[in-house]
Amino acid sequence: MVSSVRTLNYVFSVTSIVLGIALVLFMLSQRSDLNIGTAIGIVLILNGAVRIWFAQDDDES
């Protein structure tokens, strides 16, 4: 059970990072300034990175 939850956490983290990068690149390709779409993309990338970081801390304990 725990390993399936850990795997699901990794899947959500990588998905969050990929979607965040795609959203930021899309917003930059629209030649718009820093707006809510770009901010959401940055938050998605940070969310995925933090989830991966905490998941690795769980593996060590």
PDB file of N, CA and C in Angstrom:
ATOM      1  N   MET A   1       0.818  -1.202   0.000  1.00  0.00           N
ATOM      2  CA  MET A   1       0.000   0.000   0.000  1.00  0.00           C
ATOM      3  C   MET A   1       0.855   1.257   0.000  1.00  0.00           C
ATOM      4  N   VAL A   2       1.894   1.263   0.847  1.00  0.00           N
ATOM      5  CA  VAL A   2       2.738   2.459   0.950  1.00  0.00           C
ATOM      6  C   VAL A   2       3.506   2.695  -0.345  1.00  0.00           C
ATOM      7  N   SER A   3       3.986   1.624  -0.971  1.00  0.00           N
ATOM      8  CA  SER A   3       4.763   1.818  -2.209  1.00  0.00           C
ATOM      9  C   SER A   3       3.872   2.310  -3.344  1.00  0.00           C
ATOM     10  N   SER A   4       2.605   1.898  -3.362  1.00  0.00           N
ATOM     11  CA  SER A   4       1.723   2.386  -4.420  1.00  0.00           C
ATOM     12  C   SER A   4       1.410   3.867  -4.220  1.00  0.00           C
ATOM     13  N   VAL A   5       1.286   4.294  -2.969  1.00  0.00           N
ATOM     14  CA  VAL A   5       1.065   5.714  -2.697  1.00  0.00           C
ATOM     15  C   VAL A   5       2.309   6.519  -3.054  1.00  0.00           C
ATOM     16  N   ARG A   6       3.476   5.967  -2.761  1.00  0.00           N
ATOM     17  CA  ARG A   6       4.725   6.650  -3.094  1.00  0.00           C
ATOM     18  C   ARG A   6       4.876   6.770  -4.606  1.00  0.00           C
ATOM     19  N   THR A   7       4.543   5.711  -5.332  1.00  0.00           N
ATOM     20  CA  THR A   7       4.606   5.757  -6.798  1.00  0.00           C
ATOM     21  C   THR A   7       3.633   6.781  -7.345  1.00  0.00           C
ATOM     22  N   LEU A   8       2.429   6.817  -6.796  1.00  0.00           N
ATOM     23  CA  LEU A   8       1.433   7.792  -7.226  1.00  0.00           C
ATOM     24  C   LEU A   8       1.914   9.218  -6.953  1.00  0.00           C
ATOM     25  N   ASN A   9       2.597   9.412  -5.832  1.00  0.00           N
ATOM     26  CA  ASN A   9       3.149  10.730  -5.507  1.00  0.00           C
ATOM     27  C   ASN A   9       4.197  11.147  -6.541  1.00  0.00           C
ATOM     28  N   TYR A  10       5.061  10.219  -6.947  1.00  0.00           N
ATOM     29  CA  TYR A  10       6.046  10.531  -7.982  1.00  0.00           C
ATOM     30  C   TYR A  10       5.368  10.868  -9.312  1.00  0.00           C
ATOM     31  N   VAL A  11       4.317  10.125  -9.654  1.00  0.00           N
ATOM     32  CA  VAL A  11       3.605  10.388 -10.907  1.00  0.00           C
ATOM     33  C   VAL A  11       2.998  11.785 -10.890  1.00  0.00           C
ATOM     34  N   PHE A  12       2.351  12.154  -9.768  1.00  0.00           N
ATOM     35  CA  PHE A  12       1.762  13.489  -9.664  1.00  0.00           C
ATOM     36  C   PHE A  12       2.831  14.579  -9.685  1.00  0.00           C
ATOM     37  N   SER A  13       3.983  14.311  -9.072  1.00  0.00           N
ATOM     38  CA  SER A  13       5.040  15.327  -9.068  1.00  0.00           C
ATOM     39  C   SER A  13       5.582  15.574 -10.463  1.00  0.00           C
ATOM     40  N   VAL A  14       5.868  14.511 -11.179  1.00  0.00           N
ATOM     41  CA  VAL A  14       6.413  14.667 -12.530  1.00  0.00           C
ATOM     42  C   VAL A  14       5.371  15.301 -13.445  1.00  0.00           C
ATOM     43  N   THR A  15       4.107  14.907 -13.287  1.00  0.00           N
ATOM     44  CA  THR A  15       3.040  15.504 -14.090  1.00  0.00           C
ATOM     45  C   THR A  15       2.919  16.991 -13.807  1.00  0.00           C
ATOM     46  N   SER A  16       3.022  17.366 -12.540  1.00  0.00           N
ATOM     47  CA  SER A  16       2.939  18.773 -12.162  1.00  0.00           C
ATOM     48  C   SER A  16       4.083  19.574 -12.773  1.00  0.00           C
ATOM     49  N   ILE A  17       5.284  19.018 -12.736  1.00  0.00           N
ATOM     50  CA  ILE A  17       6.442  19.716 -13.300  1.00  0.00           C
ATOM     51  C   ILE A  17       6.291  19.872 -14.816  1.00  0.00           C
ATOM     52  N   VAL A  18       5.888  18.798 -15.488  1.00  0.00           N
ATOM     53  CA  VAL A  18       5.748  18.841 -16.950  1.00  0.00           C
ATOM     54  C   VAL A  18       4.661  19.836 -17.360  1.00  0.00           C
ATOM     55  N   LEU A  19       3.510  19.789 -16.680  1.00  0.00           N
ATOM     56  CA  LEU A  19       2.442  20.737 -17.008  1.00  0.00           C
ATOM     57  C   LEU A  19       2.860  22.177 -16.711  1.00  0.00           C
ATOM     58  N   GLY A  20       3.594  22.376 -15.619  1.00  0.00           N
ATOM     59  CA  GLY A  20       4.067  23.719 -15.294  1.00  0.00           C
ATOM     60  C   GLY A  20       5.008  24.266 -16.345  1.00  0.00           C
ATOM     61  N   ILE A  21       5.946  23.437 -16.789  1.00  0.00           N
ATOM     62  CA  ILE A  21       6.886  23.870 -17.830  1.00  0.00           C
ATOM     63  C   ILE A  21       6.144  24.161 -19.129  1.00  0.00           C
ATOM     64  N   ALA A  22       5.198  23.282 -19.478  1.00  0.00           N
ATOM     65  CA  ALA A  22       4.426  23.498 -20.707  1.00  0.00           C
ATOM     66  C   ALA A  22       3.622  24.798 -20.627  1.00  0.00           C
ATOM     67  N   LEU A  23       3.020  25.065 -19.479  1.00  0.00           N
ATOM     68  CA  LEU A  23       2.229  26.283 -19.334  1.00  0.00           C
ATOM     69  C   LEU A  23       3.104  27.532 -19.400  1.00  0.00           C
ATOM     70  N   VAL A  24       4.262  27.495 -18.754  1.00  0.00           N
ATOM     71  CA  VAL A  24       5.160  28.655 -18.795  1.00  0.00           C
ATOM     72  C   VAL A  24       5.644  28.891 -20.222  1.00  0.00           C
ATOM     73  N   LEU A  25       6.038  27.820 -20.915  1.00  0.00           N
ATOM     74  CA  LEU A  25       6.500  27.975 -22.292  1.00  0.00           C
ATOM     75  C   LEU A  25       5.383  28.484 -23.197  1.00  0.00           C
ATOM     76  N   PHE A  26       4.163  27.993 -22.988  1.00  0.00           N
ATOM     77  CA  PHE A  26       3.042  28.474 -23.776  1.00  0.00           C
ATOM     78  C   PHE A  26       2.794  29.953 -23.528  1.00  0.00           C
ATOM     79  N   MET A  27       2.822  30.364 -22.269  1.00  0.00           N
ATOM     80  CA  MET A  27       2.569  31.770 -21.951  1.00  0.00           C
ATOM     81  C   MET A  27       3.687  32.656 -22.508  1.00  0.00           C
ATOM     82  N   LEU A  28       4.928  32.177 -22.470  1.00  0.00           N
ATOM     83  CA  LEU A  28       6.024  32.963 -23.030  1.00  0.00           C
ATOM     84  C   LEU A  28       5.927  33.049 -24.551  1.00  0.00           C
ATOM     85  N   SER A  29       5.379  32.006 -25.184  1.00  0.00           N
ATOM     86  CA  SER A  29       5.239  32.040 -26.637  1.00  0.00           C
ATOM     87  C   SER A  29       4.126  32.996 -27.076  1.00  0.00           C
ATOM     88  N   GLN A  30       3.253  33.377 -26.173  1.00  0.00           N
ATOM     89  CA  GLN A  30       2.173  34.306 -26.495  1.00  0.00           C
ATOM     90  C   GLN A  30       2.616  35.772 -26.392  1.00  0.00           C
ATOM     91  N   ARG A  31       3.876  35.970 -26.065  1.00  0.00           N
ATOM     92  CA  ARG A  31       4.463  37.304 -25.927  1.00  0.00           C
ATOM     93  C   ARG A  31       3.717  38.154 -24.904  1.00  0.00           C
ATOM     94  N   SER A  32       3.325  37.502 -23.825  1.00  0.00           N
ATOM     95  CA  SER A  32       2.660  38.242 -22.757  1.00  0.00           C
ATOM     96  C   SER A  32       3.644  38.428 -21.602  1.00  0.00           C
ATOM     97  N   ASP A  33       3.381  39.438 -20.825  1.00  0.00           N
ATOM     98  CA  ASP A  33       4.219  39.666 -19.655  1.00  0.00           C
ATOM     99  C   ASP A  33       3.872  38.635 -18.582  1.00  0.00           C
ATOM    100  N   LEU A  34       4.533  38.771 -17.444  1.00  0.00           N
ATOM    101  CA  LEU A  34       4.246  37.891 -16.323  1.00  0.00           C
ATOM    102  C   LEU A  34       2.798  38.094 -15.898  1.00  0.00           C
ATOM    103  N   ASN A  35       1.983  37.081 -16.091  1.00  0.00           N
ATOM    104  CA  ASN A  35       0.579  37.178 -15.738  1.00  0.00           C
ATOM    105  C   ASN A  35       0.175  35.956 -14.930  1.00  0.00           C
ATOM    106  N   ILE A  36      -1.109  35.773 -14.718  1.00  0.00           N
ATOM    107  CA  ILE A  36      -1.584  34.695 -13.849  1.00  0.00           C
ATOM    108  C   ILE A  36      -1.254  33.313 -14.422  1.00  0.00           C
ATOM    109  N   GLY A  37      -1.270  33.154 -15.734  1.00  0.00           N
ATOM    110  CA  GLY A  37      -0.929  31.866 -16.334  1.00  0.00           C
ATOM    111  C   GLY A  37       0.511  31.473 -16.072  1.00  0.00           C
ATOM    112  N   THR A  38       1.411  32.426 -16.215  1.00  0.00           N
ATOM    113  CA  THR A  38       2.820  32.161 -15.938  1.00  0.00           C
ATOM    114  C   THR A  38       3.029  31.868 -14.459  1.00  0.00           C
ATOM    115  N   ALA A  39       2.339  32.597 -13.599  1.00  0.00           N
ATOM    116  CA  ALA A  39       2.457  32.374 -12.154  1.00  0.00           C
ATOM    117  C   ALA A  39       1.956  30.981 -11.777  1.00  0.00           C
ATOM    118  N   ILE A  40       0.859  30.549 -12.375  1.00  0.00           N
ATOM    119  CA  ILE A  40       0.345  29.207 -12.095  1.00  0.00           C
ATOM    120  C   ILE A  40       1.343  28.151 -12.569  1.00  0.00           C
ATOM    121  N   GLY A  41       1.963  28.369 -13.719  1.00  0.00           N
ATOM    122  CA  GLY A  41       2.984  27.442 -14.203  1.00  0.00           C
ATOM    123  C   GLY A  41       4.166  27.335 -13.254  1.00  0.00           C
ATOM    124  N   ILE A  42       4.614  28.467 -12.736  1.00  0.00           N
ATOM    125  CA  ILE A  42       5.730  28.465 -11.789  1.00  0.00           C
ATOM    126  C   ILE A  42       5.340  27.737 -10.506  1.00  0.00           C
ATOM    127  N   VAL A  43       4.123  27.959 -10.041  1.00  0.00           N
ATOM    128  CA  VAL A  43       3.654  27.274  -8.831  1.00  0.00           C
ATOM    129  C   VAL A  43       3.554  25.766  -9.066  1.00  0.00           C
ATOM    130  N   LEU A  44       3.119  25.352 -10.247  1.00  0.00           N
ATOM    131  CA  LEU A  44       3.062  23.921 -10.557  1.00  0.00           C
ATOM    132  C   LEU A  44       4.451  23.291 -10.538  1.00  0.00           C
ATOM    133  N   ILE A  45       5.429  23.986 -11.100  1.00  0.00           N
ATOM    134  CA  ILE A  45       6.808  23.473 -11.099  1.00  0.00           C
ATOM    135  C   ILE A  45       7.327  23.357  -9.667  1.00  0.00           C
ATOM    136  N   LEU A  46       7.106  24.390  -8.870  1.00  0.00           N
ATOM    137  CA  LEU A  46       7.561  24.353  -7.469  1.00  0.00           C
ATOM    138  C   LEU A  46       6.843  23.258  -6.684  1.00  0.00           C
ATOM    139  N   ASN A  47       5.555  23.082  -6.932  1.00  0.00           N
ATOM    140  CA  ASN A  47       4.793  22.038  -6.252  1.00  0.00           C
ATOM    141  C   ASN A  47       5.370  20.654  -6.558  1.00  0.00           C
ATOM    142  N   GLY A  48       5.656  20.408  -7.820  1.00  0.00           N
ATOM    143  CA  GLY A  48       6.234  19.115  -8.193  1.00  0.00           C
ATOM    144  C   GLY A  48       7.601  18.898  -7.576  1.00  0.00           C
ATOM    145  N   ALA A  49       8.418  19.943  -7.553  1.00  0.00           N
ATOM    146  CA  ALA A  49       9.758  19.815  -6.971  1.00  0.00           C
ATOM    147  C   ALA A  49       9.689  19.544  -5.471  1.00  0.00           C
ATOM    148  N   VAL A  50       8.795  20.225  -4.782  1.00  0.00           N
ATOM    149  CA  VAL A  50       8.666  20.017  -3.328  1.00  0.00           C
ATOM    150  C   VAL A  50       8.132  18.621  -3.041  1.00  0.00           C
ATOM    151  N   ARG A  51       7.186  18.146  -3.853  1.00  0.00           N
ATOM    152  CA  ARG A  51       6.649  16.792  -3.646  1.00  0.00           C
ATOM    153  C   ARG A  51       7.738  15.743  -3.829  1.00  0.00           C
ATOM    154  N   ILE A  52       8.587  15.921  -4.837  1.00  0.00           N
ATOM    155  CA  ILE A  52       9.676  14.962  -5.049  1.00  0.00           C
ATOM    156  C   ILE A  52      10.667  15.027  -3.897  1.00  0.00           C
ATOM    157  N   TRP A  53      10.976  16.231  -3.431  1.00  0.00           N
ATOM    158  CA  TRP A  53      11.918  16.404  -2.334  1.00  0.00           C
ATOM    159  C   TRP A  53      11.422  15.703  -1.071  1.00  0.00           C
ATOM    160  N   PHE A  54      10.160  15.907  -0.721  1.00  0.00           N
ATOM    161  CA  PHE A  54       9.628  15.267   0.477  1.00  0.00           C
ATOM    162  C   PHE A  54       9.473  13.760   0.291  1.00  0.00           C
ATOM    163  N   ALA A  55       9.202  13.307  -0.921  1.00  0.00           N
ATOM    164  CA  ALA A  55       9.105  11.871  -1.172  1.00  0.00           C
ATOM    165  C   ALA A  55      10.457  11.197  -0.985  1.00  0.00           C
ATOM    166  N   GLN A  56      11.534  11.877  -1.363  1.00  0.00           N
ATOM    167  CA  GLN A  56      12.866  11.309  -1.155  1.00  0.00           C
ATOM    168  C   GLN A  56      13.214  11.286   0.319  1.00  0.00           C
ATOM    169  N   ASP A  57      12.765  12.270   1.086  1.00  0.00           N
ATOM    170  CA  ASP A  57      12.982  12.260   2.537  1.00  0.00           C
ATOM    171  C   ASP A  57      12.241  11.102   3.184  1.00  0.00           C
ATOM    172  N   ASP A  58      11.073  10.741   2.659  1.00  0.00           N
ATOM    173  CA  ASP A  58      10.326   9.606   3.194  1.00  0.00           C
ATOM    174  C   ASP A  58      11.034   8.280   2.925  1.00  0.00           C
ATOM    175  N   ASP A  59      11.736   8.187   1.791  1.00  0.00           N
ATOM    176  CA  ASP A  59      12.457   6.959   1.464  1.00  0.00           C
ATOM    177  C   ASP A  59      13.595   6.689   2.436  1.00  0.00           C
ATOM    178  N   GLU A  60      14.220   7.740   2.952  1.00  0.00           N
ATOM    179  CA  GLU A  60      15.361   7.586   3.838  1.00  0.00           C
ATOM    180  C   GLU A  60      14.958   7.137   5.223  1.00  0.00           C
ATOM    181  N   SER A  61      13.735   7.414   5.650  1.00  0.00           N
ATOM    182  CA  SER A  61      13.350   7.041   7.000  1.00  0.00           C
ATOM    183  C   SER A  61      12.661   5.699   7.064  1.00  0.00           C
TER     184      SER A  61
END
